[in-house]
PDB file of N, CA and C in Angstrom:
ATOM      1  N   MET A   1       2.323  -8.508  -6.776  1.00  0.00           N
ATOM      2  CA  MET A   1       0.984  -9.041  -6.730  1.00  0.00           C
ATOM      3  C   MET A   1      -0.051  -7.934  -6.942  1.00  0.00           C
ATOM      4  N   LEU A   2       0.136  -6.794  -6.287  1.00  0.00           N
ATOM      5  CA  LEU A   2      -0.814  -5.690  -6.453  1.00  0.00           C
ATOM      6  C   LEU A   2      -0.803  -5.149  -7.872  1.00  0.00           C
ATOM      7  N   ARG A   3       0.358  -5.110  -8.501  1.00  0.00           N
ATOM      8  CA  ARG A   3       0.439  -4.593  -9.871  1.00  0.00           C
ATOM      9  C   ARG A   3      -0.337  -5.470 -10.840  1.00  0.00           C
ATOM     10  N   GLU A   4      -0.283  -6.774 -10.629  1.00  0.00           N
ATOM     11  CA  GLU A   4      -0.967  -7.703 -11.529  1.00  0.00           C
ATOM     12  C   GLU A   4      -2.479  -7.628 -11.392  1.00  0.00           C
ATOM     13  N   LYS A   5      -2.966  -7.287 -10.201  1.00  0.00           N
ATOM     14  CA  LYS A   5      -4.409  -7.283  -9.939  1.00  0.00           C
ATOM     15  C   LYS A   5      -4.871  -5.923  -9.436  1.00  0.00           C
ATOM     16  N   LYS A   6      -4.352  -4.857 -10.018  1.00  0.00           N
ATOM     17  CA  LYS A   6      -4.631  -3.519  -9.489  1.00  0.00           C
ATOM     18  C   LYS A   6      -6.096  -3.116  -9.571  1.00  0.00           C
ATOM     19  N   ASP A   7      -6.865  -3.691 -10.482  1.00  0.00           N
ATOM     20  CA  ASP A   7      -8.284  -3.356 -10.582  1.00  0.00           C
ATOM     21  C   ASP A   7      -9.150  -4.201  -9.650  1.00  0.00           C
ATOM     22  N   GLN A   8      -8.552  -5.135  -8.936  1.00  0.00           N
ATOM     23  CA  GLN A   8      -9.313  -6.030  -8.070  1.00  0.00           C
ATOM     24  C   GLN A   8      -9.186  -5.678  -6.592  1.00  0.00           C
ATOM     25  N   SER A   9      -8.391  -4.686  -6.247  1.00  0.00           N
ATOM     26  CA  SER A   9      -8.166  -4.341  -4.837  1.00  0.00           C
ATOM     27  C   SER A   9      -8.874  -3.040  -4.483  1.00  0.00           C
ATOM     28  N   ASP A  10      -9.577  -3.058  -3.352  1.00  0.00           N
ATOM     29  CA  ASP A  10     -10.230  -1.859  -2.843  1.00  0.00           C
ATOM     30  C   ASP A  10      -9.542  -1.327  -1.597  1.00  0.00           C
ATOM     31  N   LEU A  11      -8.685  -2.153  -1.003  1.00  0.00           N
ATOM     32  CA  LEU A  11      -8.079  -1.796   0.270  1.00  0.00           C
ATOM     33  C   LEU A  11      -6.752  -2.527   0.420  1.00  0.00           C
ATOM     34  N   VAL A  12      -5.767  -1.832   0.963  1.00  0.00           N
ATOM     35  CA  VAL A  12      -4.480  -2.445   1.290  1.00  0.00           C
ATOM     36  C   VAL A  12      -4.222  -2.189   2.764  1.00  0.00           C
ATOM     37  N   ILE A  13      -3.995  -3.253   3.523  1.00  0.00           N
ATOM     38  CA  ILE A  13      -3.674  -3.142   4.945  1.00  0.00           C
ATOM     39  C   ILE A  13      -2.241  -3.610   5.125  1.00  0.00           C
ATOM     40  N   SER A  14      -1.451  -2.789   5.787  1.00  0.00           N
ATOM     41  CA  SER A  14      -0.036  -3.116   5.952  1.00  0.00           C
ATOM     42  C   SER A  14       0.462  -2.626   7.297  1.00  0.00           C
ATOM     43  N   ASP A  15       1.465  -3.284   7.801  1.00  0.00           N
ATOM     44  CA  ASP A  15       2.136  -2.861   9.025  1.00  0.00           C
ATOM     45  C   ASP A  15       3.136  -1.761   8.672  1.00  0.00           C
ATOM     46  N   VAL A  16       3.367  -0.853   9.586  1.00  0.00           N
ATOM     47  CA  VAL A  16       4.339   0.219   9.364  1.00  0.00           C
ATOM     48  C   VAL A  16       5.761  -0.299   9.555  1.00  0.00           C
ATOM     49  N   HIS A  17       5.935  -1.226  10.465  1.00  0.00           N
ATOM     50  CA  HIS A  17       7.259  -1.763  10.780  1.00  0.00           C
ATOM     51  C   HIS A  17       7.446  -3.107  10.080  1.00  0.00           C
ATOM     52  N   MET A  18       8.142  -3.085   8.946  1.00  0.00           N
ATOM     53  CA  MET A  18       8.422  -4.302   8.192  1.00  0.00           C
ATOM     54  C   MET A  18       9.929  -4.427   8.029  1.00  0.00           C
ATOM     55  N   PRO A  19      10.438  -5.639   7.844  1.00  0.00           N
ATOM     56  CA  PRO A  19      11.887  -5.821   7.782  1.00  0.00           C
ATOM     57  C   PRO A  19      12.554  -5.225   6.537  1.00  0.00           C
ATOM     58  N   ASP A  20      11.909  -5.282   5.382  1.00  0.00           N
ATOM     59  CA  ASP A  20      12.567  -4.852   4.145  1.00  0.00           C
ATOM     60  C   ASP A  20      12.147  -3.479   3.645  1.00  0.00           C
ATOM     61  N   MET A  21      11.007  -2.990   4.077  1.00  0.00           N
ATOM     62  CA  MET A  21      10.519  -1.703   3.588  1.00  0.00           C
ATOM     63  C   MET A  21       9.700  -1.023   4.675  1.00  0.00           C
ATOM     64  N   ASP A  22       9.842   0.266   4.769  1.00  0.00           N
ATOM     65  CA  ASP A  22       9.030   1.054   5.688  1.00  0.00           C
ATOM     66  C   ASP A  22       7.589   1.067   5.179  1.00  0.00           C
ATOM     67  N   GLY A  23       6.634   0.891   6.070  1.00  0.00           N
ATOM     68  CA  GLY A  23       5.233   0.859   5.679  1.00  0.00           C
ATOM     69  C   GLY A  23       4.748   2.145   5.040  1.00  0.00           C
ATOM     70  N   PHE A  24       5.309   3.273   5.446  1.00  0.00           N
ATOM     71  CA  PHE A  24       4.922   4.550   4.841  1.00  0.00           C
ATOM     72  C   PHE A  24       5.423   4.641   3.402  1.00  0.00           C
ATOM     73  N   LYS A  25       6.579   4.071   3.129  1.00  0.00           N
ATOM     74  CA  LYS A  25       7.096   4.022   1.757  1.00  0.00           C
ATOM     75  C   LYS A  25       6.190   3.142   0.895  1.00  0.00           C
ATOM     76  N   LEU A  26       5.734   2.037   1.467  1.00  0.00           N
ATOM     77  CA  LEU A  26       4.806   1.170   0.743  1.00  0.00           C
ATOM     78  C   LEU A  26       3.527   1.922   0.395  1.00  0.00           C
ATOM     79  N   LEU A  27       2.978   2.668   1.348  1.00  0.00           N
ATOM     80  CA  LEU A  27       1.776   3.460   1.072  1.00  0.00           C
ATOM     81  C   LEU A  27       2.017   4.468  -0.048  1.00  0.00           C
ATOM     82  N   GLU A  28       3.188   5.069  -0.045  1.00  0.00           N
ATOM     83  CA  GLU A  28       3.533   6.028  -1.101  1.00  0.00           C
ATOM     84  C   GLU A  28       3.570   5.336  -2.460  1.00  0.00           C
ATOM     85  N   LEU A  29       4.206   4.178  -2.539  1.00  0.00           N
ATOM     86  CA  LEU A  29       4.300   3.449  -3.803  1.00  0.00           C
ATOM     87  C   LEU A  29       2.935   2.957  -4.278  1.00  0.00           C
ATOM     88  N   VAL A  30       2.130   2.476  -3.362  1.00  0.00           N
ATOM     89  CA  VAL A  30       0.778   2.033  -3.725  1.00  0.00           C
ATOM     90  C   VAL A  30      -0.025   3.223  -4.251  1.00  0.00           C
ATOM     91  N   GLY A  31       0.113   4.367  -3.618  1.00  0.00           N
ATOM     92  CA  GLY A  31      -0.601   5.560  -4.058  1.00  0.00           C
ATOM     93  C   GLY A  31      -0.193   6.027  -5.443  1.00  0.00           C
ATOM     94  N   LEU A  32       1.065   5.804  -5.813  1.00  0.00           N
ATOM     95  CA  LEU A  32       1.529   6.194  -7.142  1.00  0.00           C
ATOM     96  C   LEU A  32       0.997   5.268  -8.228  1.00  0.00           C
ATOM     97  N   GLU A  33       0.780   4.010  -7.901  1.00  0.00           N
ATOM     98  CA  GLU A  33       0.387   3.024  -8.907  1.00  0.00           C
ATOM     99  C   GLU A  33      -1.106   2.722  -8.927  1.00  0.00           C
ATOM    100  N   MET A  34      -1.781   2.959  -7.809  1.00  0.00           N
ATOM    101  CA  MET A  34      -3.190   2.594  -7.714  1.00  0.00           C
ATOM    102  C   MET A  34      -3.986   3.760  -7.146  1.00  0.00           C
ATOM    103  N   ASP A  35      -5.205   3.886  -7.585  1.00  0.00           N
ATOM    104  CA  ASP A  35      -6.078   4.942  -7.082  1.00  0.00           C
ATOM    105  C   ASP A  35      -6.895   4.397  -5.911  1.00  0.00           C
ATOM    106  N   LEU A  36      -6.224   4.260  -4.765  1.00  0.00           N
ATOM    107  CA  LEU A  36      -6.867   3.747  -3.560  1.00  0.00           C
ATOM    108  C   LEU A  36      -6.767   4.779  -2.456  1.00  0.00           C
ATOM    109  N   PRO A  37      -7.786   4.879  -1.619  1.00  0.00           N
ATOM    110  CA  PRO A  37      -7.651   5.745  -0.450  1.00  0.00           C
ATOM    111  C   PRO A  37      -6.625   5.153   0.504  1.00  0.00           C
ATOM    112  N   ARG A  38      -5.887   6.024   1.178  1.00  0.00           N
ATOM    113  CA  ARG A  38      -4.864   5.566   2.120  1.00  0.00           C
ATOM    114  C   ARG A  38      -5.175   6.108   3.501  1.00  0.00           C
ATOM    115  N   ILE A  39      -5.122   5.240   4.483  1.00  0.00           N
ATOM    116  CA  ILE A  39      -5.323   5.615   5.881  1.00  0.00           C
ATOM    117  C   ILE A  39      -4.113   5.121   6.648  1.00  0.00           C
ATOM    118  N   SER A  40      -3.514   5.992   7.438  1.00  0.00           N
ATOM    119  CA  SER A  40      -2.372   5.560   8.248  1.00  0.00           C
ATOM    120  C   SER A  40      -2.665   5.833   9.712  1.00  0.00           C
ATOM    121  N   SER A  41      -2.138   4.964  10.546  1.00  0.00           N
ATOM    122  CA  SER A  41      -2.324   5.081  11.982  1.00  0.00           C
ATOM    123  C   SER A  41      -1.061   4.599  12.665  1.00  0.00           C
ATOM    124  N   GLU A  42      -0.774   5.175  13.804  1.00  0.00           N
ATOM    125  CA  GLU A  42       0.414   4.745  14.545  1.00  0.00           C
ATOM    126  C   GLU A  42       0.020   3.944  15.752  1.00  0.00           C
TER     127      GLU A  42
END
């Protein structure tokens, strides 16, 4: 979904603990594909 609309997103909010993917890995992948600021918190 993010890849299809990469110019329409200003912010991605995600949980760190997800069943299929680690949230930090998701932030890394989003950072590689989109020029968005990333903020992480525990």
